[in-house]
Amino acid sequence: MKEIEKYMTPAEASYKWGIKRATLKNKISPSTLNEEQKEELHKMIEEGLIKFFLAPNGTRKEWIISRDAMFVWFGEPRISKNLFRIYGIICTKKDIFYDT
């Protein structure tokens, strides 16, 4: 696996794990977390499993989430009926090319 493939946007992570985006957002939105969950989030940031960027004068954080963080939160990716695992790579039907 290429290094860059270990990190995802929340949209990509929720798609690959077969979860709703809101479910993932609830893991990274401090306003929805109790103290224990806030500590877990802070620890994951400190360990480099997730990170965010907030522009000066910005109001919205942009998150990057590692595969390791997703495994901690949700376990193995849930392959949906539209996804396939080929040689360890998760892809869609559009990604599969047939030799004719």
N, C-alpha and C. Protein backbone atom coordinates (compact mmCIF):
# COMPACT_ATOMS: atom_id res chain seq x y z
N MET A 1 0.84 -1.18 0.00
CA MET A 1 0.00 0.00 0.00
C MET A 1 0.89 1.24 0.00
N LYS A 2 0.56 2.18 -0.87
CA LYS A 2 1.30 3.43 -0.90
C LYS A 2 1.00 4.23 0.36
N GLU A 3 1.97 4.99 0.81
CA GLU A 3 1.82 5.78 2.04
C GLU A 3 0.59 6.68 1.98
N ILE A 4 0.36 7.33 0.86
CA ILE A 4 -0.75 8.27 0.73
C ILE A 4 -2.11 7.59 0.90
N GLU A 5 -2.18 6.30 0.59
CA GLU A 5 -3.44 5.57 0.70
C GLU A 5 -3.81 5.25 2.14
N LYS A 6 -2.91 5.54 3.07
CA LYS A 6 -3.19 5.31 4.49
C LYS A 6 -3.99 6.46 5.11
N TYR A 7 -4.20 7.53 4.34
CA TYR A 7 -4.86 8.73 4.85
C TYR A 7 -6.00 9.12 3.93
N MET A 8 -7.11 9.57 4.52
CA MET A 8 -8.32 9.85 3.75
C MET A 8 -9.05 11.07 4.29
N THR A 9 -9.87 11.63 3.44
CA THR A 9 -10.82 12.64 3.90
C THR A 9 -11.97 11.92 4.61
N PRO A 10 -12.75 12.62 5.39
CA PRO A 10 -13.91 11.96 6.02
C PRO A 10 -14.87 11.36 4.99
N ALA A 11 -15.05 12.01 3.85
CA ALA A 11 -15.95 11.48 2.82
C ALA A 11 -15.45 10.13 2.31
N GLU A 12 -14.16 10.05 2.00
CA GLU A 12 -13.59 8.79 1.51
C GLU A 12 -13.64 7.71 2.58
N ALA A 13 -13.30 8.07 3.81
CA ALA A 13 -13.28 7.09 4.90
C ALA A 13 -14.67 6.52 5.14
N SER A 14 -15.67 7.37 5.18
CA SER A 14 -17.03 6.87 5.43
C SER A 14 -17.50 6.00 4.27
N TYR A 15 -17.13 6.34 3.06
CA TYR A 15 -17.49 5.52 1.90
C TYR A 15 -16.83 4.15 1.97
N LYS A 16 -15.52 4.13 2.23
CA LYS A 16 -14.79 2.86 2.25
C LYS A 16 -15.22 1.97 3.40
N TRP A 17 -15.64 2.56 4.50
CA TRP A 17 -16.06 1.75 5.65
C TRP A 17 -17.56 1.44 5.62
N GLY A 18 -18.25 2.00 4.65
CA GLY A 18 -19.68 1.72 4.53
C GLY A 18 -20.50 2.29 5.66
N ILE A 19 -20.09 3.46 6.16
CA ILE A 19 -20.83 4.11 7.25
C ILE A 19 -21.33 5.47 6.78
N LYS A 20 -22.31 5.99 7.48
CA LYS A 20 -22.81 7.32 7.14
C LYS A 20 -21.77 8.36 7.53
N ARG A 21 -21.71 9.41 6.74
CA ARG A 21 -20.76 10.49 7.01
C ARG A 21 -21.02 11.09 8.39
N ALA A 22 -22.28 11.19 8.77
CA ALA A 22 -22.63 11.74 10.08
C ALA A 22 -22.09 10.89 11.22
N THR A 23 -22.03 9.58 11.01
CA THR A 23 -21.48 8.68 12.04
C THR A 23 -20.02 9.00 12.29
N LEU A 24 -19.27 9.21 11.22
CA LEU A 24 -17.86 9.57 11.36
C LEU A 24 -17.72 10.98 11.92
N LYS A 25 -18.55 11.90 11.47
CA LYS A 25 -18.49 13.27 11.96
C LYS A 25 -18.69 13.32 13.47
N ASN A 26 -19.54 12.45 13.99
CA ASN A 26 -19.76 12.40 15.44
C ASN A 26 -18.51 12.00 16.22
N LYS A 27 -17.56 11.36 15.56
CA LYS A 27 -16.30 10.98 16.22
C LYS A 27 -15.31 12.14 16.29
N ILE A 28 -15.48 13.14 15.41
CA ILE A 28 -14.50 14.22 15.32
C ILE A 28 -15.07 15.60 15.64
N SER A 29 -16.31 15.66 16.06
CA SER A 29 -16.94 16.94 16.41
C SER A 29 -16.93 17.10 17.93
N PRO A 30 -16.01 17.90 18.46
CA PRO A 30 -15.91 18.04 19.92
C PRO A 30 -17.21 18.43 20.61
N SER A 31 -18.07 19.16 19.92
CA SER A 31 -19.32 19.59 20.55
C SER A 31 -20.26 18.42 20.83
N THR A 32 -20.06 17.29 20.15
CA THR A 32 -20.94 16.13 20.36
C THR A 32 -20.32 15.09 21.29
N LEU A 33 -19.10 15.34 21.78
CA LEU A 33 -18.37 14.34 22.55
C LEU A 33 -18.45 14.57 24.05
N ASN A 34 -18.45 13.47 24.81
CA ASN A 34 -18.32 13.60 26.26
C ASN A 34 -16.83 13.72 26.59
N GLU A 35 -16.49 13.88 27.84
CA GLU A 35 -15.10 14.11 28.22
C GLU A 35 -14.18 12.95 27.83
N GLU A 36 -14.64 11.73 28.03
CA GLU A 36 -13.83 10.55 27.67
C GLU A 36 -13.56 10.52 26.17
N GLN A 37 -14.58 10.82 25.38
CA GLN A 37 -14.42 10.82 23.92
C GLN A 37 -13.50 11.96 23.47
N LYS A 38 -13.59 13.11 24.15
CA LYS A 38 -12.70 14.23 23.83
C LYS A 38 -11.25 13.85 24.11
N GLU A 39 -11.02 13.13 25.21
CA GLU A 39 -9.67 12.68 25.53
C GLU A 39 -9.16 11.70 24.48
N GLU A 40 -10.03 10.79 24.04
CA GLU A 40 -9.64 9.84 22.99
C GLU A 40 -9.28 10.58 21.70
N LEU A 41 -10.09 11.56 21.33
CA LEU A 41 -9.83 12.35 20.13
C LEU A 41 -8.49 13.07 20.24
N HIS A 42 -8.25 13.70 21.39
CA HIS A 42 -6.99 14.41 21.61
C HIS A 42 -5.80 13.45 21.52
N LYS A 43 -5.96 12.26 22.11
CA LYS A 43 -4.88 11.26 22.07
C LYS A 43 -4.60 10.82 20.64
N MET A 44 -5.65 10.62 19.85
CA MET A 44 -5.46 10.21 18.46
C MET A 44 -4.78 11.31 17.65
N ILE A 45 -5.08 12.56 17.96
CA ILE A 45 -4.40 13.68 17.30
C ILE A 45 -2.93 13.67 17.69
N GLU A 46 -2.65 13.52 18.98
CA GLU A 46 -1.27 13.50 19.46
C GLU A 46 -0.47 12.35 18.85
N GLU A 47 -1.12 11.20 18.63
CA GLU A 47 -0.44 10.02 18.07
C GLU A 47 -0.31 10.10 16.55
N GLY A 48 -0.92 11.11 15.94
CA GLY A 48 -0.83 11.27 14.50
C GLY A 48 -1.79 10.39 13.71
N LEU A 49 -2.83 9.89 14.36
CA LEU A 49 -3.81 9.06 13.66
C LEU A 49 -4.81 9.90 12.88
N ILE A 50 -5.05 11.11 13.37
CA ILE A 50 -5.93 12.05 12.69
C ILE A 50 -5.34 13.44 12.85
N LYS A 51 -5.75 14.35 11.99
CA LYS A 51 -5.34 15.74 12.13
C LYS A 51 -6.38 16.63 11.48
N PHE A 52 -6.33 17.89 11.83
CA PHE A 52 -7.23 18.84 11.20
C PHE A 52 -6.48 20.12 10.90
N PHE A 53 -7.05 20.90 9.98
CA PHE A 53 -6.54 22.22 9.66
C PHE A 53 -7.68 23.20 9.82
N LEU A 54 -7.42 24.27 10.55
CA LEU A 54 -8.38 25.35 10.70
C LEU A 54 -7.69 26.63 10.26
N ALA A 55 -8.15 27.21 9.16
CA ALA A 55 -7.54 28.43 8.64
C ALA A 55 -7.71 29.57 9.63
N PRO A 56 -6.76 30.52 9.64
CA PRO A 56 -6.94 31.70 10.49
C PRO A 56 -8.28 32.36 10.14
N ASN A 57 -9.01 32.71 11.14
CA ASN A 57 -10.36 33.28 10.99
C ASN A 57 -11.35 32.28 10.40
N GLY A 58 -10.96 31.03 10.30
CA GLY A 58 -11.86 30.00 9.77
C GLY A 58 -12.82 29.51 10.83
N THR A 59 -13.87 28.88 10.38
CA THR A 59 -14.85 28.33 11.32
C THR A 59 -15.02 26.83 11.14
N ARG A 60 -14.50 26.29 10.06
CA ARG A 60 -14.69 24.87 9.75
C ARG A 60 -13.35 24.15 9.68
N LYS A 61 -13.24 23.05 10.41
CA LYS A 61 -12.01 22.26 10.40
C LYS A 61 -12.05 21.30 9.22
N GLU A 62 -10.90 21.14 8.57
CA GLU A 62 -10.74 20.15 7.50
C GLU A 62 -9.95 19.00 8.10
N TRP A 63 -10.51 17.79 8.05
CA TRP A 63 -9.92 16.63 8.72
C TRP A 63 -9.25 15.69 7.74
N ILE A 64 -8.18 15.05 8.19
CA ILE A 64 -7.53 13.93 7.52
C ILE A 64 -7.53 12.78 8.53
N ILE A 65 -7.96 11.62 8.08
CA ILE A 65 -8.13 10.47 8.97
C ILE A 65 -7.31 9.31 8.44
N SER A 66 -6.56 8.67 9.32
CA SER A 66 -5.76 7.52 8.90
C SER A 66 -6.60 6.24 8.91
N ARG A 67 -6.13 5.26 8.15
CA ARG A 67 -6.78 3.94 8.17
C ARG A 67 -6.74 3.38 9.59
N ASP A 68 -5.62 3.62 10.29
CA ASP A 68 -5.50 3.11 11.66
C ASP A 68 -6.59 3.68 12.57
N ALA A 69 -6.90 4.97 12.41
CA ALA A 69 -7.97 5.57 13.21
C ALA A 69 -9.31 4.91 12.90
N MET A 70 -9.55 4.65 11.63
CA MET A 70 -10.81 4.00 11.23
C MET A 70 -10.91 2.59 11.81
N PHE A 71 -9.78 1.87 11.85
CA PHE A 71 -9.80 0.53 12.44
C PHE A 71 -10.10 0.61 13.93
N VAL A 72 -9.56 1.62 14.62
CA VAL A 72 -9.83 1.79 16.05
C VAL A 72 -11.32 2.04 16.27
N TRP A 73 -11.89 2.92 15.49
CA TRP A 73 -13.29 3.31 15.67
C TRP A 73 -14.29 2.28 15.15
N PHE A 74 -14.01 1.70 13.97
CA PHE A 74 -15.04 0.92 13.28
C PHE A 74 -14.61 -0.49 12.87
N GLY A 75 -13.39 -0.88 13.16
CA GLY A 75 -12.94 -2.22 12.77
C GLY A 75 -12.68 -2.31 11.27
N GLU A 76 -12.84 -3.50 10.74
CA GLU A 76 -12.59 -3.74 9.31
C GLU A 76 -13.58 -2.94 8.45
N PRO A 77 -13.13 -2.50 7.27
CA PRO A 77 -14.08 -1.84 6.36
C PRO A 77 -15.21 -2.79 6.00
N ARG A 78 -16.39 -2.26 5.93
CA ARG A 78 -17.55 -3.06 5.53
C ARG A 78 -17.69 -2.90 4.02
N ILE A 79 -17.49 -3.96 3.32
CA ILE A 79 -17.59 -3.90 1.88
C ILE A 79 -19.08 -3.90 1.50
N SER A 80 -19.50 -2.87 0.80
CA SER A 80 -20.90 -2.81 0.37
C SER A 80 -21.07 -3.58 -0.93
N LYS A 81 -22.30 -3.68 -1.38
CA LYS A 81 -22.55 -4.44 -2.61
C LYS A 81 -21.91 -3.76 -3.82
N ASN A 82 -21.55 -2.49 -3.70
CA ASN A 82 -20.93 -1.77 -4.82
C ASN A 82 -19.41 -1.76 -4.74
N LEU A 83 -18.84 -2.37 -3.70
CA LEU A 83 -17.39 -2.39 -3.54
C LEU A 83 -16.88 -3.81 -3.60
N PHE A 84 -15.66 -3.95 -4.04
CA PHE A 84 -15.03 -5.26 -4.14
C PHE A 84 -13.62 -5.17 -3.59
N ARG A 85 -13.14 -6.27 -3.02
CA ARG A 85 -11.76 -6.32 -2.55
C ARG A 85 -10.99 -7.19 -3.54
N ILE A 86 -10.05 -6.57 -4.24
CA ILE A 86 -9.24 -7.28 -5.22
C ILE A 86 -7.78 -7.12 -4.82
N TYR A 87 -7.14 -8.23 -4.50
CA TYR A 87 -5.74 -8.21 -4.07
C TYR A 87 -5.53 -7.20 -2.94
N GLY A 88 -6.47 -7.13 -2.02
CA GLY A 88 -6.34 -6.25 -0.86
C GLY A 88 -6.71 -4.81 -1.13
N ILE A 89 -7.14 -4.50 -2.35
CA ILE A 89 -7.50 -3.12 -2.70
C ILE A 89 -9.02 -3.05 -2.82
N ILE A 90 -9.61 -2.05 -2.20
CA ILE A 90 -11.05 -1.86 -2.29
C ILE A 90 -11.33 -0.99 -3.51
N CYS A 91 -12.21 -1.45 -4.39
CA CYS A 91 -12.50 -0.68 -5.59
C CYS A 91 -13.97 -0.85 -5.96
N THR A 92 -14.43 0.00 -6.87
CA THR A 92 -15.80 -0.07 -7.35
C THR A 92 -15.81 -0.79 -8.69
N LYS A 93 -17.01 -1.07 -9.19
CA LYS A 93 -17.12 -1.71 -10.50
C LYS A 93 -16.45 -0.86 -11.58
N LYS A 94 -16.51 0.45 -11.45
CA LYS A 94 -15.90 1.33 -12.45
C LYS A 94 -14.38 1.17 -12.49
N ASP A 95 -13.79 0.71 -11.39
CA ASP A 95 -12.34 0.55 -11.32
C ASP A 95 -11.86 -0.75 -11.96
N ILE A 96 -12.77 -1.66 -12.23
CA ILE A 96 -12.39 -2.98 -12.73
C ILE A 96 -12.42 -2.96 -14.26
N PHE A 97 -11.32 -3.34 -14.85
CA PHE A 97 -11.22 -3.40 -16.30
C PHE A 97 -11.15 -4.86 -16.71
N TYR A 98 -11.91 -5.20 -17.72
CA TYR A 98 -11.94 -6.57 -18.19
C TYR A 98 -11.12 -6.68 -19.47
N ASP A 99 -10.34 -7.74 -19.57
CA ASP A 99 -9.54 -8.00 -20.76
C ASP A 99 -10.42 -8.75 -21.75
N THR A 100 -10.64 -8.16 -22.91
CA THR A 100 -11.52 -8.80 -23.90
C THR A 100 -10.74 -9.46 -25.01
